[in-house]
Amino acid sequence: MSHRTSNGLAHDDAVILLRTVATGLLAGGACVLIVEPRGEGVDHLRLALLTGLMIGQFLALPVALVAGGVVGWLAKGRARPRQRLDSPLGGLLLACGVLLFTQAWMVLEWLDVDLPPDGIGDPDGEVGIGLMSGASGTLMALLGLALLRKGLTASRSAAARPAPAGSPPR
């Protein structure tokens, strides 16, 4: 039986929401190669990859939320199997979020000059991409920490429960 949180969501529903947002953010990585760099060097490549990731997340996150909502609605009332994927998903999301945040920070440092680098016309759009990427990386890291905490507490509470009679030892 699931208990209700302060906003009226069932705890299982909140975890499903966390998982669908995490999946949508990670699925945005499929689009990192759609933007071609406008200049030479690793900084232009980094900016192009972040731009592609932002486009991918903009497209994948709503799709993941709708798909998660449909799956949650279809599974309403059914017994859900125990899933132990929160710790690996949380670890992957945390690592990707930290990597994304550091790359966004490096793009912002690169663009923080008096004259824009070659291949950059007006740097305001690129600064916006850097800021949105940094915010996305921060959100990914926080969601990763939340999923890691949930996965670790679930595994700790499962280890503390006594095994039913006649079951093999853990």
Protein backbone atom coordinates (compact mmCIF):
# COMPACT_ATOMS: atom_id res chain seq x y z
CA MET A 1 0.00 0.00 0.00
CA SER A 2 1.42 3.40 -0.92
CA HIS A 3 1.30 6.33 1.44
CA ARG A 4 0.36 9.85 0.38
CA THR A 5 2.79 12.75 0.38
CA SER A 6 1.92 16.28 1.50
CA ASN A 7 0.79 17.32 -2.01
CA GLY A 8 -1.60 14.36 -2.41
CA LEU A 9 0.57 12.25 -4.72
CA ALA A 10 1.15 8.67 -3.82
CA HIS A 11 4.79 7.91 -3.05
CA ASP A 12 4.94 5.44 -5.95
CA ASP A 13 3.56 8.09 -8.31
CA ALA A 14 6.24 10.55 -7.24
CA VAL A 15 8.94 7.96 -7.88
CA ILE A 16 7.47 7.21 -11.31
CA LEU A 17 7.54 10.95 -12.05
CA LEU A 18 11.21 11.14 -10.98
CA ARG A 19 12.05 8.18 -13.20
CA THR A 20 10.27 9.60 -16.25
CA VAL A 21 11.95 12.99 -15.88
CA ALA A 22 15.31 11.23 -15.49
CA THR A 23 14.66 9.13 -18.58
CA GLY A 24 13.64 12.19 -20.59
CA LEU A 25 16.74 14.14 -19.56
CA LEU A 26 19.02 11.23 -20.43
CA ALA A 27 17.21 10.55 -23.72
CA GLY A 28 18.04 14.07 -24.85
CA GLY A 29 21.60 12.85 -25.28
CA ALA A 30 20.55 11.12 -28.49
CA CYS A 31 20.55 14.50 -30.25
CA VAL A 32 24.00 15.75 -29.26
CA LEU A 33 25.38 15.26 -32.76
CA ILE A 34 22.69 17.11 -34.74
CA VAL A 35 24.33 20.55 -34.49
CA GLU A 36 27.45 21.19 -36.53
CA PRO A 37 30.22 23.29 -34.93
CA ARG A 38 30.55 26.76 -36.48
CA GLY A 39 34.27 27.08 -35.86
CA GLU A 40 37.46 25.18 -35.21
CA GLY A 41 38.57 23.85 -31.88
CA VAL A 42 37.24 21.99 -28.91
CA ASP A 43 35.28 24.96 -27.56
CA HIS A 44 33.13 25.19 -30.69
CA LEU A 45 32.58 21.43 -30.55
CA ARG A 46 31.57 21.66 -26.87
CA LEU A 47 29.09 24.44 -27.67
CA ALA A 48 27.60 22.44 -30.57
CA LEU A 49 27.21 19.35 -28.37
CA LEU A 50 25.49 21.36 -25.62
CA THR A 51 23.17 22.93 -28.19
CA GLY A 52 22.24 19.51 -29.55
CA LEU A 53 21.65 18.22 -26.02
CA MET A 54 19.34 21.13 -25.21
CA ILE A 55 17.34 20.48 -28.40
CA GLY A 56 17.16 16.77 -27.54
CA GLN A 57 16.02 17.41 -23.99
CA PHE A 58 13.46 19.92 -25.22
CA LEU A 59 12.00 17.20 -27.46
CA ALA A 60 12.49 14.10 -25.28
CA LEU A 61 11.34 15.35 -21.88
CA PRO A 62 7.68 16.02 -22.85
CA VAL A 63 7.52 12.70 -24.71
CA ALA A 64 8.89 10.87 -21.66
CA LEU A 65 6.43 12.63 -19.34
CA VAL A 66 3.46 11.74 -21.55
CA ALA A 67 4.66 8.14 -21.90
CA GLY A 68 5.21 7.85 -18.14
CA GLY A 69 1.77 9.29 -17.47
CA VAL A 70 0.13 6.85 -19.87
CA VAL A 71 2.00 3.88 -18.41
CA GLY A 72 1.15 5.03 -14.88
CA TRP A 73 -2.49 5.48 -15.79
CA LEU A 74 -2.68 2.05 -17.46
CA ALA A 75 -1.00 0.40 -14.46
CA LYS A 76 -3.33 2.06 -11.93
CA GLY A 77 -4.68 -0.53 -9.54
CA ARG A 78 -2.31 -3.28 -10.65
CA ALA A 79 0.38 -4.64 -8.42
CA ARG A 80 3.73 -3.24 -9.57
CA PRO A 81 6.81 -5.41 -9.46
CA ARG A 82 9.65 -4.28 -7.23
CA GLN A 83 12.17 -2.39 -9.34
CA ARG A 84 15.73 -2.05 -8.12
CA LEU A 85 16.86 0.38 -10.83
CA ASP A 86 16.92 3.54 -8.75
CA SER A 87 20.55 3.31 -7.65
CA PRO A 88 22.06 2.71 -11.12
CA LEU A 89 19.77 5.28 -12.73
CA GLY A 90 20.57 7.78 -9.99
CA GLY A 91 24.30 7.19 -10.32
CA LEU A 92 24.18 7.62 -14.10
CA LEU A 93 22.06 10.75 -13.80
CA LEU A 94 24.36 12.22 -11.15
CA ALA A 95 27.47 11.58 -13.26
CA CYS A 96 25.87 13.00 -16.42
CA GLY A 97 24.58 16.03 -14.53
CA VAL A 98 27.99 16.85 -13.08
CA LEU A 99 29.61 16.40 -16.51
CA LEU A 100 26.99 18.60 -18.16
CA PHE A 101 27.36 21.31 -15.51
CA THR A 102 31.15 21.41 -15.85
CA GLN A 103 30.98 21.57 -19.66
CA ALA A 104 28.42 24.39 -19.48
CA TRP A 105 30.66 26.24 -17.05
CA MET A 106 33.60 25.87 -19.45
CA VAL A 107 31.51 27.25 -22.34
CA LEU A 108 30.49 30.24 -20.21
CA GLU A 109 34.13 30.87 -19.27
CA TRP A 110 35.11 30.68 -22.96
CA LEU A 111 32.41 33.17 -23.94
CA ASP A 112 33.25 35.60 -21.10
CA VAL A 113 35.61 37.80 -23.14
CA ASP A 114 35.43 41.31 -24.58
CA LEU A 115 35.51 40.19 -28.22
CA PRO A 116 33.45 37.13 -29.15
CA PRO A 117 35.48 34.18 -30.46
CA ASP A 118 35.61 33.50 -34.21
CA GLY A 119 32.45 31.80 -35.44
CA ILE A 120 30.32 33.46 -32.75
CA GLY A 121 28.31 36.44 -33.93
CA ASP A 122 26.25 37.64 -30.99
CA PRO A 123 27.26 35.60 -27.93
CA ASP A 124 23.94 36.13 -26.09
CA GLY A 125 22.36 32.99 -27.59
CA GLU A 126 25.41 30.92 -26.78
CA VAL A 127 25.46 32.27 -23.22
CA GLY A 128 21.78 31.28 -22.96
CA ILE A 129 22.66 27.75 -24.12
CA GLY A 130 25.41 27.63 -21.50
CA LEU A 131 23.07 28.81 -18.74
CA MET A 132 20.29 26.39 -19.72
CA SER A 133 22.82 23.55 -19.92
CA GLY A 134 24.13 24.42 -16.48
CA ALA A 135 20.60 24.47 -15.07
CA SER A 136 19.85 21.14 -16.77
CA GLY A 137 23.04 19.63 -15.35
CA THR A 138 22.13 20.86 -11.87
CA LEU A 139 18.62 19.38 -12.18
CA MET A 140 20.06 16.09 -13.42
CA ALA A 141 22.51 15.94 -10.50
CA LEU A 142 19.76 16.69 -7.95
CA LEU A 143 17.43 14.09 -9.47
CA GLY A 144 20.32 11.62 -9.45
CA LEU A 145 20.92 12.27 -5.77
CA ALA A 146 17.20 11.81 -5.02
CA LEU A 147 17.07 8.51 -6.91
CA LEU A 148 20.29 7.32 -5.26
CA ARG A 149 18.87 8.13 -1.83
CA LYS A 150 15.63 6.31 -2.64
CA GLY A 151 17.47 3.29 -4.02
CA LEU A 152 19.84 3.08 -1.07
CA THR A 153 17.10 3.42 1.54
CA ALA A 154 15.00 0.82 -0.29
CA SER A 155 17.87 -1.65 -0.39
CA ARG A 156 18.71 -0.96 3.25
CA SER A 157 15.11 -1.52 4.36
CA ALA A 158 14.88 -4.68 2.22
CA ALA A 159 18.01 -6.04 3.90
CA ALA A 160 16.59 -5.27 7.35
CA ARG A 161 13.35 -7.19 6.74
CA PRO A 162 13.38 -10.80 7.84
CA ALA A 163 13.20 -13.36 5.05
CA PRO A 164 9.98 -15.39 4.82
CA ALA A 165 10.13 -18.90 6.15
CA GLY A 166 11.39 -21.41 3.61
CA SER A 167 13.10 -18.84 1.35
CA PRO A 168 16.78 -19.17 0.43
CA PRO A 169 19.25 -17.00 2.35
CA ARG A 170 20.22 -13.63 0.88
